[in-house]
Amino acid sequence: MSFMIPSMRDLRSLSRMAVKAVIFDLGKVIVPFDFKRSYAKLAPLCGISIAEIPARIAPSGLIDLFESGGIEPREFVREFSKLLNLDTSYEDFCEIWASIFLPDTLIPDSMLEGIARGYRLVLLSNTNAIHFEMLRRTYPLLRHFHSFVLSYEVGAMKPLPAIFLRAIEEAQCRPEECFYTDDLAVNIEAARAHGMDAVQFESAEQIEAELHKRGVLWRL
């Protein structure tokens, strides 16, 4: 990955907004995912097509309830299984449910390690207990984060104010001193509404360039 030094003009223009904390979304920013991967494994177990599975689940609001911390993992699995007439063990379900994540990350370990040496590094994610337990085991680069702000623990999902306020609290600085990236425009707008400097994620190279413009530099 190229290392770009910002010009003095860039540094002067951004001097009023010196970054003290860098906040990353998780899904499709650090770790790619595709729900069809789990639907493909569920389909032969319940006799429902891959396309029909999300259509059955969505009206229940069960996933949002789970990611908001409104239901415990085992109860979630029971209710989910009822919706699909699924007969499987809790452990097997968790393995299938966590299979949505792809092995290669979108952000390199070295970037997070470098940022964490000089800045407060915070993860802000809509997620659930089953997914995050697996993510921590599977993706060692998450060890670089100083704090995790997770929807199921906060009791609110992005773009609700409560989870952004918690993220700012965990950043341990003013909102304007936080740099945030997320793949969804609605979450970028919400972050900006709370005073954060936010950029919609496109690639690791793009975010590296945006951070360098703001004087966030790192060397390992």
C-alpha atoms as a PDB file:
ATOM      1  CA  MET A   1       0.000   0.000   0.000  1.00  0.00           C
ATOM      2  CA  SER A   2       1.376   3.411  -0.934  1.00  0.00           C
ATOM      3  CA  PHE A   3       2.305   5.920   1.728  1.00  0.00           C
ATOM      4  CA  MET A   4       1.291   9.467   0.816  1.00  0.00           C
ATOM      5  CA  ILE A   5       2.593  12.490   2.702  1.00  0.00           C
ATOM      6  CA  PRO A   6       0.068  15.348   2.849  1.00  0.00           C
ATOM      7  CA  SER A   7       1.200  18.753   1.607  1.00  0.00           C
ATOM      8  CA  MET A   8       1.695  21.640   4.017  1.00  0.00           C
ATOM      9  CA  ARG A   9      -1.375  23.266   2.480  1.00  0.00           C
ATOM     10  CA  ASP A  10      -3.451  20.185   3.335  1.00  0.00           C
ATOM     11  CA  LEU A  11      -2.115  20.157   6.897  1.00  0.00           C
ATOM     12  CA  ARG A  12      -2.810  23.864   7.419  1.00  0.00           C
ATOM     13  CA  SER A  13      -6.348  23.592   6.054  1.00  0.00           C
ATOM     14  CA  LEU A  14      -7.120  20.697   8.390  1.00  0.00           C
ATOM     15  CA  SER A  15      -5.275  21.926  11.465  1.00  0.00           C
ATOM     16  CA  ARG A  16      -8.505  22.946  13.174  1.00  0.00           C
ATOM     17  CA  MET A  17      -9.818  19.398  13.069  1.00  0.00           C
ATOM     18  CA  ALA A  18      -6.883  17.369  14.349  1.00  0.00           C
ATOM     19  CA  VAL A  19      -7.933  13.749  14.702  1.00  0.00           C
ATOM     20  CA  LYS A  20      -7.542  12.070  18.068  1.00  0.00           C
ATOM     21  CA  ALA A  21      -9.726   9.006  17.485  1.00  0.00           C
ATOM     22  CA  VAL A  22     -10.366   6.838  14.437  1.00  0.00           C
ATOM     23  CA  ILE A  23     -13.650   4.922  14.409  1.00  0.00           C
ATOM     24  CA  PHE A  24     -14.324   2.066  11.995  1.00  0.00           C
ATOM     25  CA  ASP A  25     -17.515   0.285  11.051  1.00  0.00           C
ATOM     26  CA  LEU A  26     -17.035  -3.488  10.897  1.00  0.00           C
ATOM     27  CA  GLY A  27     -19.115  -5.199   8.216  1.00  0.00           C
ATOM     28  CA  LYS A  28     -18.110  -4.367   4.629  1.00  0.00           C
ATOM     29  CA  VAL A  29     -15.436  -2.002   5.955  1.00  0.00           C
ATOM     30  CA  ILE A  30     -13.089  -4.325   7.829  1.00  0.00           C
ATOM     31  CA  VAL A  31     -14.699  -7.707   7.175  1.00  0.00           C
ATOM     32  CA  PRO A  32     -16.758  -8.458   4.031  1.00  0.00           C
ATOM     33  CA  PHE A  33     -19.931 -10.500   4.405  1.00  0.00           C
ATOM     34  CA  ASP A  34     -22.737 -12.010   2.361  1.00  0.00           C
ATOM     35  CA  PHE A  35     -25.896 -13.385   4.012  1.00  0.00           C
ATOM     36  CA  LYS A  36     -26.466 -15.663   1.022  1.00  0.00           C
ATOM     37  CA  ARG A  37     -23.591 -17.795   2.309  1.00  0.00           C
ATOM     38  CA  SER A  38     -25.615 -18.778   5.380  1.00  0.00           C
ATOM     39  CA  TYR A  39     -28.912 -18.976   3.478  1.00  0.00           C
ATOM     40  CA  ALA A  40     -27.304 -21.493   1.105  1.00  0.00           C
ATOM     41  CA  LYS A  41     -26.459 -23.712   4.084  1.00  0.00           C
ATOM     42  CA  LEU A  42     -29.873 -23.282   5.700  1.00  0.00           C
ATOM     43  CA  ALA A  43     -31.897 -23.992   2.543  1.00  0.00           C
ATOM     44  CA  PRO A  44     -31.353 -27.787   2.384  1.00  0.00           C
ATOM     45  CA  LEU A  45     -32.006 -28.090   6.124  1.00  0.00           C
ATOM     46  CA  CYS A  46     -35.412 -26.399   6.018  1.00  0.00           C
ATOM     47  CA  GLY A  47     -36.570 -27.040   2.466  1.00  0.00           C
ATOM     48  CA  ILE A  48     -36.929 -23.335   1.702  1.00  0.00           C
ATOM     49  CA  SER A  49     -35.214 -21.624  -1.206  1.00  0.00           C
ATOM     50  CA  ILE A  50     -32.306 -19.243  -0.664  1.00  0.00           C
ATOM     51  CA  ALA A  51     -34.418 -16.354  -2.003  1.00  0.00           C
ATOM     52  CA  GLU A  52     -37.398 -17.154   0.230  1.00  0.00           C
ATOM     53  CA  ILE A  53     -35.460 -17.361   3.522  1.00  0.00           C
ATOM     54  CA  PRO A  54     -34.923 -13.588   3.965  1.00  0.00           C
ATOM     55  CA  ALA A  55     -38.509 -12.948   2.849  1.00  0.00           C
ATOM     56  CA  ARG A  56     -39.743 -15.112   5.711  1.00  0.00           C
ATOM     57  CA  ILE A  57     -37.398 -13.604   8.283  1.00  0.00           C
ATOM     58  CA  ALA A  58     -37.680  -9.886   7.480  1.00  0.00           C
ATOM     59  CA  PRO A  59     -41.321  -9.251   8.535  1.00  0.00           C
ATOM     60  CA  SER A  60     -40.605 -10.651  12.014  1.00  0.00           C
ATOM     61  CA  GLY A  61     -38.022  -7.975  12.836  1.00  0.00           C
ATOM     62  CA  LEU A  62     -36.134 -10.728  14.635  1.00  0.00           C
ATOM     63  CA  ILE A  63     -32.674  -9.841  13.356  1.00  0.00           C
ATOM     64  CA  ASP A  64     -32.967  -6.173  14.333  1.00  0.00           C
ATOM     65  CA  LEU A  65     -34.265  -7.257  17.740  1.00  0.00           C
ATOM     66  CA  PHE A  66     -31.243  -9.529  18.169  1.00  0.00           C
ATOM     67  CA  GLU A  67     -28.771  -6.874  17.033  1.00  0.00           C
ATOM     68  CA  SER A  68     -30.384  -4.369  19.407  1.00  0.00           C
ATOM     69  CA  GLY A  69     -29.865  -6.704  22.354  1.00  0.00           C
ATOM     70  CA  GLY A  70     -33.579  -7.319  22.796  1.00  0.00           C
ATOM     71  CA  ILE A  71     -33.310 -11.105  22.744  1.00  0.00           C
ATOM     72  CA  GLU A  72     -30.689 -13.545  23.984  1.00  0.00           C
ATOM     73  CA  PRO A  73     -28.816 -15.793  21.521  1.00  0.00           C
ATOM     74  CA  ARG A  74     -30.517 -19.086  22.382  1.00  0.00           C
ATOM     75  CA  GLU A  75     -33.963 -17.513  22.269  1.00  0.00           C
ATOM     76  CA  PHE A  76     -33.084 -15.923  18.937  1.00  0.00           C
ATOM     77  CA  VAL A  77     -32.095 -19.319  17.532  1.00  0.00           C
ATOM     78  CA  ARG A  78     -35.349 -20.882  18.780  1.00  0.00           C
ATOM     79  CA  GLU A  79     -37.485 -18.139  17.225  1.00  0.00           C
ATOM     80  CA  PHE A  80     -35.489 -18.129  13.988  1.00  0.00           C
ATOM     81  CA  SER A  81     -35.804 -21.901  13.719  1.00  0.00           C
ATOM     82  CA  LYS A  82     -39.583 -21.682  14.154  1.00  0.00           C
ATOM     83  CA  LEU A  83     -39.836 -19.242  11.255  1.00  0.00           C
ATOM     84  CA  LEU A  84     -38.101 -21.711   8.932  1.00  0.00           C
ATOM     85  CA  ASN A  85     -39.273 -24.973  10.519  1.00  0.00           C
ATOM     86  CA  LEU A  86     -35.598 -25.630  11.080  1.00  0.00           C
ATOM     87  CA  ASP A  87     -34.377 -28.534  13.204  1.00  0.00           C
ATOM     88  CA  THR A  88     -30.723 -28.065  14.140  1.00  0.00           C
ATOM     89  CA  SER A  89     -28.610 -27.725  17.265  1.00  0.00           C
ATOM     90  CA  TYR A  90     -27.672 -24.353  18.730  1.00  0.00           C
ATOM     91  CA  GLU A  91     -24.007 -24.994  17.987  1.00  0.00           C
ATOM     92  CA  ASP A  92     -24.643 -25.972  14.362  1.00  0.00           C
ATOM     93  CA  PHE A  93     -26.878 -22.955  13.859  1.00  0.00           C
ATOM     94  CA  CYS A  94     -24.215 -20.610  15.213  1.00  0.00           C
ATOM     95  CA  GLU A  95     -21.663 -22.052  12.809  1.00  0.00           C
ATOM     96  CA  ILE A  96     -24.038 -21.573   9.862  1.00  0.00           C
ATOM     97  CA  TRP A  97     -25.105 -18.099  10.996  1.00  0.00           C
ATOM     98  CA  ALA A  98     -21.487 -16.968  11.272  1.00  0.00           C
ATOM     99  CA  SER A  99     -20.575 -18.300   7.834  1.00  0.00           C
ATOM    100  CA  ILE A 100     -21.650 -15.014   6.207  1.00  0.00           C
ATOM    101  CA  PHE A 101     -18.157 -13.583   6.716  1.00  0.00           C
ATOM    102  CA  LEU A 102     -15.454 -13.946   4.071  1.00  0.00           C
ATOM    103  CA  PRO A 103     -11.891 -14.835   5.105  1.00  0.00           C
ATOM    104  CA  ASP A 104      -9.941 -11.894   3.648  1.00  0.00           C
ATOM    105  CA  THR A 105     -10.323  -8.524   5.344  1.00  0.00           C
ATOM    106  CA  LEU A 106     -10.791  -5.220   3.518  1.00  0.00           C
ATOM    107  CA  ILE A 107      -8.491  -3.305   5.878  1.00  0.00           C
ATOM    108  CA  PRO A 108      -4.988  -4.682   6.505  1.00  0.00           C
ATOM    109  CA  ASP A 109      -3.795  -5.583   9.980  1.00  0.00           C
ATOM    110  CA  SER A 110      -0.836  -3.214   9.551  1.00  0.00           C
ATOM    111  CA  MET A 111      -3.087  -0.181   9.080  1.00  0.00           C
ATOM    112  CA  LEU A 112      -5.017  -0.833  12.288  1.00  0.00           C
ATOM    113  CA  GLU A 113      -1.832  -1.616  14.215  1.00  0.00           C
ATOM    114  CA  GLY A 114      -0.232   1.609  13.029  1.00  0.00           C
ATOM    115  CA  ILE A 115      -3.251   3.776  13.807  1.00  0.00           C
ATOM    116  CA  ALA A 116      -3.653   2.224  17.259  1.00  0.00           C
ATOM    117  CA  ARG A 117      -0.107   3.249  18.214  1.00  0.00           C
ATOM    118  CA  GLY A 118      -0.888   6.929  17.957  1.00  0.00           C
ATOM    119  CA  TYR A 119      -4.663   7.325  18.134  1.00  0.00           C
ATOM    120  CA  ARG A 120      -7.665   6.013  19.978  1.00  0.00           C
ATOM    121  CA  LEU A 121      -9.077   3.198  17.800  1.00  0.00           C
ATOM    122  CA  VAL A 122     -12.772   2.360  18.194  1.00  0.00           C
ATOM    123  CA  LEU A 123     -15.009  -0.196  16.468  1.00  0.00           C
ATOM    124  CA  LEU A 124     -18.637   0.866  15.932  1.00  0.00           C
ATOM    125  CA  SER A 125     -20.880  -1.896  14.621  1.00  0.00           C
ATOM    126  CA  ASN A 126     -24.419  -3.136  14.245  1.00  0.00           C
ATOM    127  CA  THR A 127     -23.867  -6.765  15.194  1.00  0.00           C
ATOM    128  CA  ASN A 128     -25.009  -9.544  17.510  1.00  0.00           C
ATOM    129  CA  ALA A 129     -23.538 -11.833  20.131  1.00  0.00           C
ATOM    130  CA  ILE A 130     -23.225 -14.874  17.847  1.00  0.00           C
ATOM    131  CA  HIS A 131     -21.463 -13.006  15.078  1.00  0.00           C
ATOM    132  CA  PHE A 132     -19.138 -10.995  17.270  1.00  0.00           C
ATOM    133  CA  GLU A 133     -17.987 -13.969  19.318  1.00  0.00           C
ATOM    134  CA  MET A 134     -16.931 -15.667  16.082  1.00  0.00           C
ATOM    135  CA  LEU A 135     -15.386 -12.502  14.655  1.00  0.00           C
ATOM    136  CA  ARG A 136     -13.103 -12.037  17.660  1.00  0.00           C
ATOM    137  CA  ARG A 137     -11.920 -15.641  17.361  1.00  0.00           C
ATOM    138  CA  THR A 138     -11.432 -15.552  13.596  1.00  0.00           C
ATOM    139  CA  TYR A 139      -9.988 -12.110  12.822  1.00  0.00           C
ATOM    140  CA  PRO A 140      -6.898 -11.351  14.937  1.00  0.00           C
ATOM    141  CA  LEU A 141      -6.695  -7.763  13.666  1.00  0.00           C
ATOM    142  CA  LEU A 142      -9.597  -6.839  15.973  1.00  0.00           C
ATOM    143  CA  ARG A 143      -7.122  -6.998  18.860  1.00  0.00           C
ATOM    144  CA  HIS A 144      -5.841  -3.559  17.870  1.00  0.00           C
ATOM    145  CA  PHE A 145      -9.064  -1.778  18.876  1.00  0.00           C
ATOM    146  CA  HIS A 146      -9.092  -0.007  22.214  1.00  0.00           C
ATOM    147  CA  SER A 147     -12.880  -0.158  22.485  1.00  0.00           C
ATOM    148  CA  PHE A 148     -15.849  -1.922  20.903  1.00  0.00           C
ATOM    149  CA  VAL A 149     -19.187  -0.129  20.574  1.00  0.00           C
ATOM    150  CA  LEU A 150     -21.630  -2.880  19.602  1.00  0.00           C
ATOM    151  CA  SER A 151     -25.340  -2.450  18.948  1.00  0.00           C
ATOM    152  CA  TYR A 152     -26.404  -5.497  20.940  1.00  0.00           C
ATOM    153  CA  GLU A 153     -24.522  -4.216  24.001  1.00  0.00           C
ATOM    154  CA  VAL A 154     -25.601  -0.572  23.643  1.00  0.00           C
ATOM    155  CA  GLY A 155     -29.233  -1.516  22.992  1.00  0.00           C
ATOM    156  CA  ALA A 156     -29.449   0.660  19.866  1.00  0.00           C
ATOM    157  CA  MET A 157     -28.485   0.275  16.226  1.00  0.00           C
ATOM    158  CA  LYS A 158     -27.010   2.794  13.823  1.00  0.00           C
ATOM    159  CA  PRO A 159     -28.198   5.316  12.782  1.00  0.00           C
ATOM    160  CA  LEU A 160     -29.873   5.948  16.174  1.00  0.00           C
ATOM    161  CA  PRO A 161     -28.257   8.696  18.278  1.00  0.00           C
ATOM    162  CA  ALA A 162     -27.541   6.506  21.328  1.00  0.00           C
ATOM    163  CA  ILE A 163     -24.916   4.372  19.624  1.00  0.00           C
ATOM    164  CA  PHE A 164     -23.083   7.364  18.132  1.00  0.00           C
ATOM    165  CA  LEU A 165     -23.072   9.107  21.504  1.00  0.00           C
ATOM    166  CA  ARG A 166     -21.551   5.971  23.035  1.00  0.00           C
ATOM    167  CA  ALA A 167     -18.908   5.898  20.312  1.00  0.00           C
ATOM    168  CA  ILE A 168     -17.951   9.512  21.019  1.00  0.00           C
ATOM    169  CA  GLU A 169     -17.754   8.676  24.713  1.00  0.00           C
ATOM    170  CA  GLU A 170     -15.468   5.712  24.002  1.00  0.00           C
ATOM    171  CA  ALA A 171     -13.348   7.864  21.689  1.00  0.00           C
ATOM    172  CA  GLN A 172     -12.497  10.009  24.737  1.00  0.00           C
ATOM    173  CA  CYS A 173     -12.393  13.232  22.736  1.00  0.00           C
ATOM    174  CA  ARG A 174     -14.673  15.819  21.142  1.00  0.00           C
ATOM    175  CA  PRO A 175     -16.892  14.729  18.211  1.00  0.00           C
ATOM    176  CA  GLU A 176     -14.977  16.905  15.759  1.00  0.00           C
ATOM    177  CA  GLU A 177     -11.779  15.082  16.758  1.00  0.00           C
ATOM    178  CA  CYS A 178     -13.255  11.743  15.642  1.00  0.00           C
ATOM    179  CA  PHE A 179     -12.778  10.376  12.132  1.00  0.00           C
ATOM    180  CA  TYR A 180     -15.394   7.768  11.185  1.00  0.00           C
ATOM    181  CA  THR A 181     -15.882   5.528   8.163  1.00  0.00           C
ATOM    182  CA  ASP A 182     -18.881   3.357   7.287  1.00  0.00           C
ATOM    183  CA  ASP A 183     -20.082   1.747   4.068  1.00  0.00           C
ATOM    184  CA  LEU A 184     -23.637   3.125   4.409  1.00  0.00           C
ATOM    185  CA  ALA A 185     -24.456   6.745   3.556  1.00  0.00           C
ATOM    186  CA  VAL A 186     -27.220   6.928   6.181  1.00  0.00           C
ATOM    187  CA  ASN A 187     -24.689   6.181   8.929  1.00  0.00           C
ATOM    188  CA  ILE A 188     -22.226   8.733   7.581  1.00  0.00           C
ATOM    189  CA  GLU A 189     -24.980  11.364   7.678  1.00  0.00           C
ATOM    190  CA  ALA A 190     -25.849  10.410  11.257  1.00  0.00           C
ATOM    191  CA  ALA A 191     -22.204  10.633  12.325  1.00  0.00           C
ATOM    192  CA  ARG A 192     -21.871  14.070  10.766  1.00  0.00           C
ATOM    193  CA  ALA A 193     -25.066  15.178  12.504  1.00  0.00           C
ATOM    194  CA  HIS A 194     -23.287  14.414  15.783  1.00  0.00           C
ATOM    195  CA  GLY A 195     -20.300  16.533  14.790  1.00  0.00           C
ATOM    196  CA  MET A 196     -17.991  13.757  13.643  1.00  0.00           C
ATOM    197  CA  ASP A 197     -15.762  13.926  10.582  1.00  0.00           C
ATOM    198  CA  ALA A 198     -17.133  11.028   8.515  1.00  0.00           C
ATOM    199  CA  VAL A 199     -16.334   9.561   5.098  1.00  0.00           C
ATOM    200  CA  GLN A 200     -18.187   6.786   3.285  1.00  0.00           C
ATOM    201  CA  PHE A 201     -15.956   3.750   2.830  1.00  0.00           C
ATOM    202  CA  GLU A 202     -14.855   2.697  -0.653  1.00  0.00           C
ATOM    203  CA  SER A 203     -11.490   1.021  -0.127  1.00  0.00           C
ATOM    204  CA  ALA A 204      -8.554   0.776   2.241  1.00  0.00           C
ATOM    205  CA  GLU A 205      -6.520   2.984  -0.087  1.00  0.00           C
ATOM    206  CA  GLN A 206      -9.214   5.672  -0.073  1.00  0.00           C
ATOM    207  CA  ILE A 207      -9.427   5.697   3.740  1.00  0.00           C
ATOM    208  CA  GLU A 208      -5.642   5.772   4.068  1.00  0.00           C
ATOM    209  CA  ALA A 209      -5.598   8.836   1.793  1.00  0.00           C
ATOM    210  CA  GLU A 210      -8.388  10.510   3.778  1.00  0.00           C
ATOM    211  CA  LEU A 211      -6.559   9.905   7.045  1.00  0.00           C
ATOM    212  CA  HIS A 212      -3.275  11.209   5.639  1.00  0.00           C
ATOM    213  CA  LYS A 213      -5.052  14.396   4.509  1.00  0.00           C
ATOM    214  CA  ARG A 214      -6.012  14.884   8.143  1.00  0.00           C
ATOM    215  CA  GLY A 215      -2.479  14.359   9.387  1.00  0.00           C
ATOM    216  CA  VAL A 216      -3.117  10.827  10.646  1.00  0.00           C
ATOM    217  CA  LEU A 217       0.190   9.165   9.807  1.00  0.00           C
ATOM    218  CA  TRP A 218       1.706   5.889  10.921  1.00  0.00           C
ATOM    219  CA  ARG A 219       4.819   3.843  10.373  1.00  0.00           C
ATOM    220  CA  LEU A 220       5.570   0.398  11.734  1.00  0.00           C
END
